[in-house]
C-alpha atoms as a PDB file:
ATOM      1  CA  MET A   1     105.994  98.969 111.131  1.00  0.00           C
ATOM      2  CA  LEU A   2     106.560  99.794 107.287  1.00  0.00           C
ATOM      3  CA  ILE A   3     107.422  96.544 105.228  1.00  0.00           C
ATOM      4  CA  LEU A   4     107.820  98.618 101.873  1.00  0.00           C
ATOM      5  CA  ALA A   5     105.733  96.370  99.668  1.00  0.00           C
ATOM      6  CA  LYS A   6     106.033  92.686  99.808  1.00  0.00           C
ATOM      7  CA  ALA A   7     108.950  90.744  98.368  1.00  0.00           C
ATOM      8  CA  HIS A   8     106.465  89.102  95.494  1.00  0.00           C
ATOM      9  CA  PHE A   9     106.177  92.387  93.809  1.00  0.00           C
ATOM     10  CA  PRO A  10     109.319  92.816  91.155  1.00  0.00           C
ATOM     11  CA  ASP A  11     112.125  95.026  92.278  1.00  0.00           C
ATOM     12  CA  ARG A  12     111.117  97.689  89.854  1.00  0.00           C
ATOM     13  CA  ILE A  13     107.899  97.935  91.488  1.00  0.00           C
ATOM     14  CA  ARG A  14     109.240  97.818  95.028  1.00  0.00           C
ATOM     15  CA  SER A  15     111.651 100.827  94.081  1.00  0.00           C
ATOM     16  CA  LEU A  16     108.771 102.901  93.182  1.00  0.00           C
ATOM     17  CA  PRO A  17     108.387 105.899  95.425  1.00  0.00           C
ATOM     18  CA  ALA A  18     106.752 105.358  98.781  1.00  0.00           C
ATOM     19  CA  PHE A  19     102.794 106.223  98.981  1.00  0.00           C
ATOM     20  CA  GLU A  20     102.461 108.463 101.753  1.00  0.00           C
ATOM     21  CA  GLY A  21      99.435 107.212 103.752  1.00  0.00           C
ATOM     22  CA  PRO A  22      98.110 104.957 106.273  1.00  0.00           C
ATOM     23  CA  PHE A  23      99.292 101.505 104.997  1.00  0.00           C
ATOM     24  CA  ASP A  24     102.596 100.366 103.074  1.00  0.00           C
ATOM     25  CA  ALA A  25     102.664 100.772  99.373  1.00  0.00           C
ATOM     26  CA  ARG A  26     104.502 101.951  96.133  1.00  0.00           C
ATOM     27  CA  ARG A  27     102.922 104.799  94.054  1.00  0.00           C
ATOM     28  CA  LEU A  28     102.782 104.850  90.134  1.00  0.00           C
ATOM     29  CA  GLU A  29     101.097 108.143  88.982  1.00  0.00           C
ATOM     30  CA  ALA A  30      99.330 108.580  85.665  1.00  0.00           C
ATOM     31  CA  GLU A  31      97.394 111.260  84.429  1.00  0.00           C
ATOM     32  CA  GLY A  32      93.851 110.844  85.799  1.00  0.00           C
ATOM     33  CA  CYS A  33      94.875 107.687  88.029  1.00  0.00           C
ATOM     34  CA  GLU A  34      97.268 106.891  90.861  1.00  0.00           C
ATOM     35  CA  VAL A  35      98.255 102.950  90.929  1.00  0.00           C
ATOM     36  CA  LEU A  36      99.061 101.606  94.424  1.00  0.00           C
ATOM     37  CA  PHE A  37     100.990  98.507  95.214  1.00  0.00           C
ATOM     38  CA  ALA A  38      99.942  97.909  98.540  1.00  0.00           C
ATOM     39  CA  SER A  39     101.068  95.347 101.234  1.00  0.00           C
ATOM     40  CA  TYR A  40      99.118  94.986 104.602  1.00  0.00           C
ATOM     41  CA  PRO A  41     100.210  92.742 107.390  1.00  0.00           C
ATOM     42  CA  ALA A  42      97.828  90.188 109.158  1.00  0.00           C
ATOM     43  CA  GLY A  43      95.669  91.914 111.770  1.00  0.00           C
ATOM     44  CA  THR A  44      95.641  95.421 109.837  1.00  0.00           C
ATOM     45  CA  THR A  45      92.198  97.127 109.959  1.00  0.00           C
ATOM     46  CA  ILE A  46      90.982 100.437 107.940  1.00  0.00           C
ATOM     47  CA  ASP A  47      88.275 102.112 109.652  1.00  0.00           C
ATOM     48  CA  PRO A  48      85.021 103.303 107.511  1.00  0.00           C
ATOM     49  CA  HIS A  49      85.921 106.112 105.259  1.00  0.00           C
ATOM     50  CA  THR A  50      85.359 107.476 101.461  1.00  0.00           C
ATOM     51  CA  HIS A  51      87.588 108.445  98.484  1.00  0.00           C
ATOM     52  CA  PRO A  52      86.514 111.159  96.116  1.00  0.00           C
ATOM     53  CA  THR A  53      88.149 108.560  93.480  1.00  0.00           C
ATOM     54  CA  GLU A  54      86.554 105.718  91.877  1.00  0.00           C
ATOM     55  CA  ASN A  55      88.961 102.735  93.352  1.00  0.00           C
ATOM     56  CA  CYS A  56      89.515  99.153  91.636  1.00  0.00           C
ATOM     57  CA  GLY A  57      92.033  96.673  92.910  1.00  0.00           C
ATOM     58  CA  VAL A  58      92.899  93.090  92.516  1.00  0.00           C
ATOM     59  CA  ILE A  59      94.528  90.996  95.324  1.00  0.00           C
ATOM     60  CA  THR A  60      97.780  89.298  94.481  1.00  0.00           C
ATOM     61  CA  GLU A  61      98.122  87.550  97.691  1.00  0.00           C
ATOM     62  CA  GLY A  62      96.054  87.090 100.708  1.00  0.00           C
ATOM     63  CA  GLU A  63      92.845  88.118 101.023  1.00  0.00           C
ATOM     64  CA  LEU A  64      90.887  91.405 101.556  1.00  0.00           C
ATOM     65  CA  ILE A  65      87.684  91.448 103.791  1.00  0.00           C
ATOM     66  CA  LEU A  66      85.825  94.559 102.320  1.00  0.00           C
ATOM     67  CA  ILE A  67      82.733  95.918 103.901  1.00  0.00           C
ATOM     68  CA  THR A  68      80.248  98.151 102.022  1.00  0.00           C
ATOM     69  CA  ASP A  69      76.608  98.778 102.544  1.00  0.00           C
ATOM     70  CA  GLY A  70      76.710  96.565 105.954  1.00  0.00           C
ATOM     71  CA  VAL A  71      77.848  93.567 103.694  1.00  0.00           C
ATOM     72  CA  GLU A  72      81.160  91.980 104.052  1.00  0.00           C
ATOM     73  CA  ARG A  73      82.664  90.338 101.082  1.00  0.00           C
ATOM     74  CA  ARG A  74      86.056  88.221 100.739  1.00  0.00           C
ATOM     75  CA  PHE A  75      88.363  88.907  97.861  1.00  0.00           C
ATOM     76  CA  GLY A  76      91.384  86.418  97.150  1.00  0.00           C
ATOM     77  CA  PRO A  77      94.160  86.226  94.595  1.00  0.00           C
ATOM     78  CA  GLY A  78      93.182  87.431  91.050  1.00  0.00           C
ATOM     79  CA  GLU A  79      89.784  88.696  92.269  1.00  0.00           C
ATOM     80  CA  TRP A  80      89.050  92.291  91.502  1.00  0.00           C
ATOM     81  CA  TYR A  81      86.915  94.445  93.629  1.00  0.00           C
ATOM     82  CA  HIS A  82      85.306  98.221  92.656  1.00  0.00           C
ATOM     83  CA  LEU A  83      84.316 101.106  94.914  1.00  0.00           C
ATOM     84  CA  ALA A  84      82.464 104.204  93.306  1.00  0.00           C
ATOM     85  CA  PRO A  85      83.534 107.635  94.470  1.00  0.00           C
ATOM     86  CA  GLU A  86      82.294 108.674  97.950  1.00  0.00           C
ATOM     87  CA  GLN A  87      81.117 104.956  98.886  1.00  0.00           C
ATOM     88  CA  GLU A  88      81.851 104.335 102.216  1.00  0.00           C
ATOM     89  CA  HIS A  89      83.952 101.239 103.057  1.00  0.00           C
ATOM     90  CA  SER A  90      86.163  99.550 105.717  1.00  0.00           C
ATOM     91  CA  ALA A  91      88.494  96.893 105.492  1.00  0.00           C
ATOM     92  CA  ARG A  92      90.209  94.018 107.266  1.00  0.00           C
ATOM     93  CA  PHE A  93      93.146  91.733 106.777  1.00  0.00           C
ATOM     94  CA  GLU A  94      93.067  88.526 108.666  1.00  0.00           C
ATOM     95  CA  VAL A  95      96.388  87.098 106.530  1.00  0.00           C
ATOM     96  CA  ALA A  96      99.093  88.999 105.174  1.00  0.00           C
ATOM     97  CA  THR A  97      97.695  90.656 102.127  1.00  0.00           C
ATOM     98  CA  SER A  98      98.961  92.498  98.830  1.00  0.00           C
ATOM     99  CA  GLU A  99      97.028  94.274  95.839  1.00  0.00           C
ATOM    100  CA  ILE A 100      97.349  96.533  93.080  1.00  0.00           C
ATOM    101  CA  GLU A 101      94.826  99.634  93.612  1.00  0.00           C
ATOM    102  CA  PHE A 102      93.649 102.082  90.877  1.00  0.00           C
ATOM    103  CA  TRP A 103      92.557 105.553  92.122  1.00  0.00           C
ATOM    104  CA  PHE A 104      90.958 107.225  89.163  1.00  0.00           C
ATOM    105  CA  SER A 105      90.216 110.713  89.616  1.00  0.00           C
ATOM    106  CA  PRO A 106      86.685 112.340  89.368  1.00  0.00           C
END
């Protein structure tokens, strides 16, 4: 089910091009960085994977449960996380969650 970015994101953000991926997000591309405004329904899980990019994100609503190096950490509104390039991670969202993600090119 595609939600097309949570309503708490401003209209201008919700009107950005859709991200073509396994979760609902709007994409803002800048030189050397993609910015995603992503929303995840409660119960969403993301299997272990890596990215060639360095990723930073801030939770704007809900809670991200991020698993890296066998350690589970929880991030709530206003909290930032960081992933190094090729760092394996998985995620879980027990409640509806939104975030702003920055994917920096290597």
